[in-house]
Amino acid sequence: MRQLFFLLTALTMASCNAGFEGDDAALDVASQWADAYFNCDFHEAANYATPESDKWLRFAASNITEQDLQTLQGNATATADDYFTVANDTLRVVTLHVRNFLKPAVVGSTPQLQEEGTFLVTVVKRDGKWKVRMEDLPRSEKQSRD
């Protein structure tokens, strides 16, 4: 349902993206956050996230093992290449394309290296700075086979 909302909002707001200041900064913050987050550098990711996102970063960190870090080897890369505006000019939903990241696994099994995924993250402007607002752990959006 949430994905449908974002899709419909994106289609509605697509023509409204031009002319907002700071869009490059919003994309840059989302990209820097993603590079840190998907390489399991949660301390660095916190620098690009809102304070209320801290609980999600701690939760993600608590589920990472030394074996996971060895599997990942810091090779995750992220590119923020698109966004759409929701509600006003201080909130963006950014599309991230991530490669070589750990796909979360069910409890008791080993996470697997995922070749690529697409994620939507919310970026908000607070006190003149863009920050990623986590409301959950990031989940790869399902891709259409069309």
N, C-alpha and C. Protein backbone atom coordinates (compact mmCIF):
# COMPACT_ATOMS: atom_id res chain seq x y z
N MET A 1 0.81 -1.18 0.00
CA MET A 1 0.00 0.00 0.00
C MET A 1 0.87 1.26 0.00
N ARG A 2 1.93 1.24 0.82
CA ARG A 2 2.83 2.39 0.90
C ARG A 2 3.50 2.62 -0.46
N GLN A 3 3.90 1.53 -1.12
CA GLN A 3 4.55 1.64 -2.41
C GLN A 3 3.60 2.24 -3.45
N LEU A 4 2.34 1.85 -3.38
CA LEU A 4 1.34 2.39 -4.29
C LEU A 4 1.17 3.88 -4.07
N PHE A 5 1.14 4.31 -2.80
CA PHE A 5 1.04 5.73 -2.48
C PHE A 5 2.20 6.51 -3.10
N PHE A 6 3.43 5.99 -2.90
CA PHE A 6 4.60 6.68 -3.44
C PHE A 6 4.56 6.74 -4.96
N LEU A 7 4.12 5.65 -5.58
CA LEU A 7 4.04 5.63 -7.03
C LEU A 7 3.04 6.65 -7.54
N LEU A 8 1.86 6.68 -6.95
CA LEU A 8 0.84 7.63 -7.38
C LEU A 8 1.28 9.07 -7.12
N THR A 9 1.91 9.29 -5.98
CA THR A 9 2.39 10.63 -5.67
C THR A 9 3.48 11.04 -6.65
N ALA A 10 4.35 10.09 -7.01
CA ALA A 10 5.43 10.39 -7.96
C ALA A 10 4.86 10.81 -9.30
N LEU A 11 3.87 10.09 -9.76
CA LEU A 11 3.27 10.43 -11.04
C LEU A 11 2.60 11.79 -11.01
N THR A 12 1.94 12.09 -9.89
CA THR A 12 1.25 13.37 -9.75
C THR A 12 2.22 14.53 -9.65
N MET A 13 3.32 14.31 -8.92
CA MET A 13 4.23 15.41 -8.64
C MET A 13 5.40 15.50 -9.62
N ALA A 14 5.50 14.59 -10.55
CA ALA A 14 6.67 14.54 -11.44
C ALA A 14 6.91 15.87 -12.15
N SER A 15 5.87 16.55 -12.52
CA SER A 15 6.05 17.80 -13.24
C SER A 15 6.40 18.96 -12.31
N CYS A 16 6.36 18.74 -11.01
CA CYS A 16 6.60 19.81 -10.05
C CYS A 16 8.03 19.86 -9.56
N ASN A 17 8.90 19.00 -10.03
CA ASN A 17 10.26 18.93 -9.50
C ASN A 17 11.13 20.11 -9.89
N ALA A 18 10.91 20.70 -11.01
CA ALA A 18 11.79 21.77 -11.49
C ALA A 18 11.68 23.00 -10.62
N GLY A 19 12.81 23.64 -10.38
CA GLY A 19 12.80 24.93 -9.73
C GLY A 19 12.99 24.91 -8.23
N PHE A 20 13.08 23.78 -7.56
CA PHE A 20 13.30 23.76 -6.12
C PHE A 20 14.78 23.86 -5.83
N GLU A 21 15.12 24.68 -4.85
CA GLU A 21 16.51 24.83 -4.47
C GLU A 21 16.95 23.65 -3.62
N GLY A 22 18.20 23.26 -3.74
CA GLY A 22 18.77 22.25 -2.87
C GLY A 22 18.52 20.83 -3.29
N ASP A 23 17.96 20.61 -4.47
CA ASP A 23 17.68 19.24 -4.87
C ASP A 23 18.97 18.43 -5.02
N ASP A 24 20.02 19.03 -5.53
CA ASP A 24 21.29 18.33 -5.62
C ASP A 24 21.79 17.97 -4.23
N ALA A 25 21.61 18.85 -3.28
CA ALA A 25 22.04 18.57 -1.91
C ALA A 25 21.23 17.42 -1.31
N ALA A 26 19.94 17.35 -1.59
CA ALA A 26 19.10 16.26 -1.09
C ALA A 26 19.56 14.93 -1.68
N LEU A 27 19.85 14.92 -2.98
CA LEU A 27 20.33 13.71 -3.63
C LEU A 27 21.70 13.30 -3.08
N ASP A 28 22.56 14.28 -2.83
CA ASP A 28 23.90 14.01 -2.32
C ASP A 28 23.83 13.40 -0.92
N VAL A 29 22.98 13.94 -0.06
CA VAL A 29 22.83 13.41 1.30
C VAL A 29 22.29 11.99 1.26
N ALA A 30 21.30 11.75 0.41
CA ALA A 30 20.74 10.40 0.29
C ALA A 30 21.81 9.42 -0.18
N SER A 31 22.62 9.82 -1.14
CA SER A 31 23.68 8.96 -1.66
C SER A 31 24.75 8.68 -0.60
N GLN A 32 25.16 9.71 0.12
CA GLN A 32 26.17 9.53 1.17
C GLN A 32 25.64 8.64 2.30
N TRP A 33 24.38 8.85 2.67
CA TRP A 33 23.76 8.00 3.69
C TRP A 33 23.75 6.55 3.22
N ALA A 34 23.33 6.33 1.98
CA ALA A 34 23.23 4.97 1.45
C ALA A 34 24.60 4.29 1.37
N ASP A 35 25.62 5.03 0.93
CA ASP A 35 26.96 4.44 0.88
C ASP A 35 27.38 3.96 2.27
N ALA A 36 27.14 4.77 3.29
CA ALA A 36 27.49 4.37 4.66
C ALA A 36 26.59 3.23 5.15
N TYR A 37 25.29 3.38 4.98
CA TYR A 37 24.34 2.39 5.50
C TYR A 37 24.57 1.01 4.88
N PHE A 38 24.65 0.94 3.57
CA PHE A 38 24.76 -0.35 2.90
C PHE A 38 26.16 -0.97 3.01
N ASN A 39 27.13 -0.20 3.51
CA ASN A 39 28.44 -0.75 3.85
C ASN A 39 28.55 -1.00 5.35
N CYS A 40 27.41 -0.95 6.03
CA CYS A 40 27.30 -1.25 7.47
C CYS A 40 28.10 -0.29 8.34
N ASP A 41 28.31 0.93 7.87
CA ASP A 41 28.95 1.97 8.67
C ASP A 41 27.83 2.84 9.25
N PHE A 42 27.16 2.29 10.26
CA PHE A 42 25.96 2.92 10.79
C PHE A 42 26.28 4.21 11.55
N HIS A 43 27.47 4.28 12.12
CA HIS A 43 27.89 5.52 12.79
C HIS A 43 27.98 6.67 11.77
N GLU A 44 28.57 6.39 10.62
CA GLU A 44 28.66 7.41 9.56
C GLU A 44 27.28 7.72 8.99
N ALA A 45 26.45 6.69 8.81
CA ALA A 45 25.10 6.90 8.28
C ALA A 45 24.29 7.83 9.18
N ALA A 46 24.54 7.77 10.49
CA ALA A 46 23.82 8.63 11.44
C ALA A 46 24.10 10.11 11.19
N ASN A 47 25.26 10.43 10.61
CA ASN A 47 25.59 11.82 10.29
C ASN A 47 24.66 12.40 9.22
N TYR A 48 24.03 11.53 8.45
CA TYR A 48 23.16 11.97 7.36
C TYR A 48 21.69 11.67 7.64
N ALA A 49 21.38 11.28 8.86
CA ALA A 49 20.01 10.88 9.20
C ALA A 49 19.45 11.77 10.31
N THR A 50 18.14 11.79 10.40
CA THR A 50 17.47 12.54 11.46
C THR A 50 17.69 11.83 12.80
N PRO A 51 17.60 12.56 13.91
CA PRO A 51 17.80 11.93 15.22
C PRO A 51 16.86 10.75 15.49
N GLU A 52 15.63 10.83 15.02
CA GLU A 52 14.68 9.74 15.27
C GLU A 52 15.00 8.49 14.45
N SER A 53 15.90 8.60 13.50
CA SER A 53 16.34 7.45 12.71
C SER A 53 17.33 6.58 13.48
N ASP A 54 17.87 7.11 14.56
CA ASP A 54 18.90 6.42 15.34
C ASP A 54 18.45 5.03 15.78
N LYS A 55 17.20 4.88 16.18
CA LYS A 55 16.73 3.56 16.64
C LYS A 55 16.80 2.52 15.52
N TRP A 56 16.55 2.94 14.28
CA TRP A 56 16.60 2.01 13.15
C TRP A 56 18.05 1.66 12.81
N LEU A 57 18.94 2.62 12.93
CA LEU A 57 20.36 2.37 12.68
C LEU A 57 20.92 1.41 13.74
N ARG A 58 20.53 1.61 15.00
CA ARG A 58 20.98 0.70 16.06
C ARG A 58 20.43 -0.70 15.84
N PHE A 59 19.18 -0.78 15.41
CA PHE A 59 18.58 -2.09 15.15
C PHE A 59 19.31 -2.80 14.02
N ALA A 60 19.59 -2.08 12.93
CA ALA A 60 20.31 -2.67 11.81
C ALA A 60 21.70 -3.14 12.27
N ALA A 61 22.38 -2.32 13.05
CA ALA A 61 23.72 -2.67 13.53
C ALA A 61 23.69 -3.91 14.41
N SER A 62 22.64 -4.07 15.18
CA SER A 62 22.56 -5.21 16.10
C SER A 62 22.37 -6.53 15.36
N ASN A 63 22.04 -6.48 14.10
CA ASN A 63 21.81 -7.69 13.33
C ASN A 63 22.94 -8.01 12.36
N ILE A 64 24.07 -7.33 12.48
CA ILE A 64 25.22 -7.56 11.61
C ILE A 64 26.29 -8.34 12.37
N THR A 65 26.82 -9.36 11.73
CA THR A 65 27.88 -10.15 12.34
C THR A 65 29.21 -9.87 11.64
N GLU A 66 30.27 -10.34 12.24
CA GLU A 66 31.60 -10.20 11.62
C GLU A 66 31.63 -10.93 10.27
N GLN A 67 30.95 -12.07 10.20
CA GLN A 67 30.89 -12.81 8.93
C GLN A 67 30.18 -11.99 7.85
N ASP A 68 29.12 -11.27 8.24
CA ASP A 68 28.42 -10.40 7.29
C ASP A 68 29.36 -9.33 6.74
N LEU A 69 30.15 -8.74 7.62
CA LEU A 69 31.09 -7.69 7.19
C LEU A 69 32.16 -8.25 6.26
N GLN A 70 32.60 -9.47 6.52
CA GLN A 70 33.59 -10.10 5.65
C GLN A 70 32.98 -10.40 4.28
N THR A 71 31.72 -10.82 4.27
CA THR A 71 31.04 -11.09 3.01
C THR A 71 30.89 -9.82 2.20
N LEU A 72 30.51 -8.74 2.86
CA LEU A 72 30.27 -7.47 2.19
C LEU A 72 31.56 -6.82 1.71
N GLN A 73 32.58 -6.82 2.54
CA GLN A 73 33.90 -6.25 2.25
C GLN A 73 33.85 -4.79 1.79
N GLY A 74 32.84 -4.04 2.23
CA GLY A 74 32.78 -2.62 1.89
C GLY A 74 32.56 -2.32 0.43
N ASN A 75 31.98 -3.25 -0.31
CA ASN A 75 31.82 -3.07 -1.75
C ASN A 75 30.48 -2.51 -2.18
N ALA A 76 29.60 -2.21 -1.26
CA ALA A 76 28.30 -1.68 -1.64
C ALA A 76 28.46 -0.26 -2.21
N THR A 77 27.75 0.01 -3.28
CA THR A 77 27.75 1.34 -3.87
C THR A 77 26.30 1.79 -4.08
N ALA A 78 26.08 3.08 -3.96
CA ALA A 78 24.73 3.62 -4.12
C ALA A 78 24.77 4.86 -5.00
N THR A 79 23.72 5.00 -5.79
CA THR A 79 23.55 6.17 -6.64
C THR A 79 22.14 6.70 -6.46
N ALA A 80 22.05 7.97 -6.12
CA ALA A 80 20.75 8.63 -6.03
C ALA A 80 20.56 9.39 -7.33
N ASP A 81 19.55 9.01 -8.10
CA ASP A 81 19.43 9.63 -9.41
C ASP A 81 18.07 10.22 -9.70
N ASP A 82 17.17 10.16 -8.75
CA ASP A 82 15.83 10.68 -9.01
C ASP A 82 15.17 10.99 -7.67
N TYR A 83 14.19 11.86 -7.70
CA TYR A 83 13.41 12.18 -6.51
C TYR A 83 12.06 12.69 -6.95
N PHE A 84 11.14 12.71 -6.00
CA PHE A 84 9.91 13.45 -6.22
C PHE A 84 9.54 14.15 -4.94
N THR A 85 8.85 15.25 -5.07
CA THR A 85 8.47 16.09 -3.95
C THR A 85 7.12 15.65 -3.41
N VAL A 86 7.02 15.58 -2.11
CA VAL A 86 5.76 15.23 -1.46
C VAL A 86 5.38 16.38 -0.55
N ALA A 87 4.18 16.88 -0.71
CA ALA A 87 3.58 17.86 0.18
C ALA A 87 4.17 19.27 0.10
N ASN A 88 5.47 19.43 0.13
CA ASN A 88 6.05 20.77 0.14
C ASN A 88 7.48 20.72 -0.36
N ASP A 89 8.17 21.84 -0.25
CA ASP A 89 9.52 21.88 -0.81
C ASP A 89 10.60 21.47 0.19
N THR A 90 10.24 20.90 1.34
CA THR A 90 11.24 20.46 2.31
C THR A 90 11.22 18.94 2.52
N LEU A 91 10.60 18.22 1.63
CA LEU A 91 10.55 16.77 1.73
C LEU A 91 10.70 16.16 0.34
N ARG A 92 11.63 15.22 0.21
CA ARG A 92 11.86 14.53 -1.06
C ARG A 92 11.83 13.03 -0.80
N VAL A 93 11.36 12.29 -1.76
CA VAL A 93 11.50 10.84 -1.75
C VAL A 93 12.49 10.52 -2.86
N VAL A 94 13.64 10.01 -2.46
CA VAL A 94 14.76 9.79 -3.38
C VAL A 94 14.84 8.32 -3.77
N THR A 95 15.06 8.07 -5.05
CA THR A 95 15.27 6.72 -5.55
C THR A 95 16.77 6.42 -5.51
N LEU A 96 17.11 5.34 -4.82
CA LEU A 96 18.50 4.90 -4.73
C LEU A 96 18.67 3.58 -5.48
N HIS A 97 19.72 3.50 -6.26
CA HIS A 97 20.08 2.25 -6.91
C HIS A 97 21.34 1.76 -6.20
N VAL A 98 21.24 0.59 -5.56
CA VAL A 98 22.34 0.07 -4.75
C VAL A 98 22.83 -1.23 -5.35
N ARG A 99 24.14 -1.39 -5.36
CA ARG A 99 24.76 -2.61 -5.90
C ARG A 99 25.62 -3.25 -4.81
N ASN A 100 25.67 -4.58 -4.83
CA ASN A 100 26.54 -5.35 -3.94
C ASN A 100 26.29 -5.07 -2.46
N PHE A 101 25.09 -5.29 -2.01
CA PHE A 101 24.73 -5.07 -0.61
C PHE A 101 24.24 -6.39 -0.01
N LEU A 102 24.20 -6.43 1.33
CA LEU A 102 23.71 -7.61 2.01
C LEU A 102 22.19 -7.59 2.06
N LYS A 103 21.59 -8.63 1.54
CA LYS A 103 20.14 -8.78 1.60
C LYS A 103 19.81 -9.39 2.95
N PRO A 104 18.97 -8.72 3.76
CA PRO A 104 18.62 -9.28 5.07
C PRO A 104 18.02 -10.67 4.94
N ALA A 105 18.30 -11.49 5.93
CA ALA A 105 17.81 -12.87 5.93
C ALA A 105 16.94 -13.10 7.17
N VAL A 106 16.19 -14.17 7.15
CA VAL A 106 15.39 -14.54 8.31
C VAL A 106 16.33 -14.95 9.43
N VAL A 107 15.84 -14.87 10.65
CA VAL A 107 16.65 -15.19 11.82
C VAL A 107 17.20 -16.61 11.69
N GLY A 108 18.49 -16.76 11.96
CA GLY A 108 19.14 -18.06 11.92
C GLY A 108 19.78 -18.41 10.60
N SER A 109 19.55 -17.62 9.56
CA SER A 109 20.19 -17.89 8.27
C SER A 109 21.18 -16.78 7.95
N THR A 110 22.02 -17.03 6.99
CA THR A 110 23.07 -16.09 6.62
C THR A 110 22.59 -15.13 5.54
N PRO A 111 22.78 -13.82 5.75
CA PRO A 111 22.44 -12.87 4.68
C PRO A 111 23.27 -13.13 3.44
N GLN A 112 22.68 -12.87 2.30
CA GLN A 112 23.36 -13.11 1.02
C GLN A 112 23.70 -11.77 0.36
N LEU A 113 24.77 -11.78 -0.41
CA LEU A 113 25.15 -10.60 -1.17
C LEU A 113 24.17 -10.45 -2.33
N GLN A 114 23.54 -9.29 -2.41
CA GLN A 114 22.56 -8.99 -3.46
C GLN A 114 23.25 -8.12 -4.51
N GLU A 115 23.09 -8.47 -5.77
CA GLU A 115 23.77 -7.75 -6.84
C GLU A 115 23.27 -6.32 -6.99
N GLU A 116 21.95 -6.13 -6.97
CA GLU A 116 21.41 -4.77 -7.10
C GLU A 116 20.01 -4.69 -6.51
N GLY A 117 19.63 -3.48 -6.17
CA GLY A 117 18.30 -3.23 -5.64
C GLY A 117 17.97 -1.76 -5.77
N THR A 118 16.69 -1.45 -5.72
CA THR A 118 16.22 -0.08 -5.79
C THR A 118 15.46 0.22 -4.50
N PHE A 119 15.78 1.34 -3.89
CA PHE A 119 15.21 1.73 -2.62
C PHE A 119 14.66 3.15 -2.71
N LEU A 120 13.60 3.41 -1.98
CA LEU A 120 13.07 4.77 -1.83
C LEU A 120 13.36 5.22 -0.41
N VAL A 121 13.98 6.39 -0.26
CA VAL A 121 14.22 6.94 1.08
C VAL A 121 13.66 8.35 1.12
N THR A 122 13.17 8.71 2.29
CA THR A 122 12.63 10.05 2.51
C THR A 122 13.74 10.95 3.04
N VAL A 123 13.90 12.10 2.41
CA VAL A 123 14.88 13.10 2.83
C VAL A 123 14.12 14.36 3.19
N VAL A 124 14.40 14.89 4.39
CA VAL A 124 13.70 16.09 4.87
C VAL A 124 14.72 17.20 5.12
N LYS A 125 14.26 18.42 5.03
CA LYS A 125 15.14 19.57 5.30
C LYS A 125 14.80 20.10 6.69
N ARG A 126 15.81 20.05 7.56
CA ARG A 126 15.65 20.55 8.93
C ARG A 126 16.79 21.48 9.25
N ASP A 127 16.44 22.63 9.78
CA ASP A 127 17.44 23.63 10.14
C ASP A 127 18.41 23.90 9.00
N GLY A 128 17.88 23.90 7.78
CA GLY A 128 18.67 24.23 6.61
C GLY A 128 19.51 23.10 6.06
N LYS A 129 19.40 21.89 6.63
CA LYS A 129 20.20 20.75 6.17
C LYS A 129 19.28 19.60 5.79
N TRP A 130 19.65 18.88 4.74
CA TRP A 130 18.91 17.70 4.32
C TRP A 130 19.36 16.51 5.14
N LYS A 131 18.40 15.69 5.60
CA LYS A 131 18.68 14.48 6.38
C LYS A 131 17.74 13.37 5.93
N VAL A 132 18.25 12.13 5.94
CA VAL A 132 17.41 10.97 5.64
C VAL A 132 16.56 10.67 6.86
N ARG A 133 15.28 10.47 6.65
CA ARG A 133 14.36 10.13 7.74
C ARG A 133 13.96 8.67 7.58
N MET A 134 14.45 7.85 8.48
CA MET A 134 14.13 6.42 8.46
C MET A 134 12.87 6.18 9.28
N GLU A 135 11.92 5.51 8.68
CA GLU A 135 10.71 5.12 9.39
C GLU A 135 10.63 3.61 9.52
N ASP A 136 11.64 2.94 9.00
CA ASP A 136 11.74 1.49 8.98
C ASP A 136 13.11 1.18 8.38
N LEU A 137 13.47 -0.09 8.31
CA LEU A 137 14.68 -0.47 7.59
C LEU A 137 14.39 -0.38 6.10
N PRO A 138 15.37 0.02 5.29
CA PRO A 138 15.14 0.11 3.84
C PRO A 138 14.80 -1.27 3.26
N ARG A 139 13.87 -1.27 2.32
CA ARG A 139 13.48 -2.49 1.62
C ARG A 139 13.56 -2.23 0.13
N SER A 140 14.12 -3.19 -0.57
CA SER A 140 14.23 -3.06 -2.01
C SER A 140 12.84 -3.10 -2.64
N GLU A 141 12.61 -2.16 -3.54
CA GLU A 141 11.31 -2.10 -4.23
C GLU A 141 11.26 -3.21 -5.26
N LYS A 142 10.12 -3.81 -5.39
CA LYS A 142 9.96 -4.87 -6.39
C LYS A 142 9.99 -4.24 -7.77
N GLN A 143 10.69 -4.89 -8.67
CA GLN A 143 10.82 -4.41 -10.03
C GLN A 143 9.81 -5.10 -10.92
N SER A 144 9.22 -4.36 -11.81
CA SER A 144 8.27 -4.93 -12.78
C SER A 144 9.04 -5.74 -13.82
N ARG A 145 8.49 -6.84 -14.24
CA ARG A 145 9.13 -7.67 -15.26
C ARG A 145 8.68 -7.28 -16.66
N ASP A 146 7.94 -6.18 -16.77
CA ASP A 146 7.45 -5.72 -18.08
C ASP A 146 8.55 -5.08 -18.87
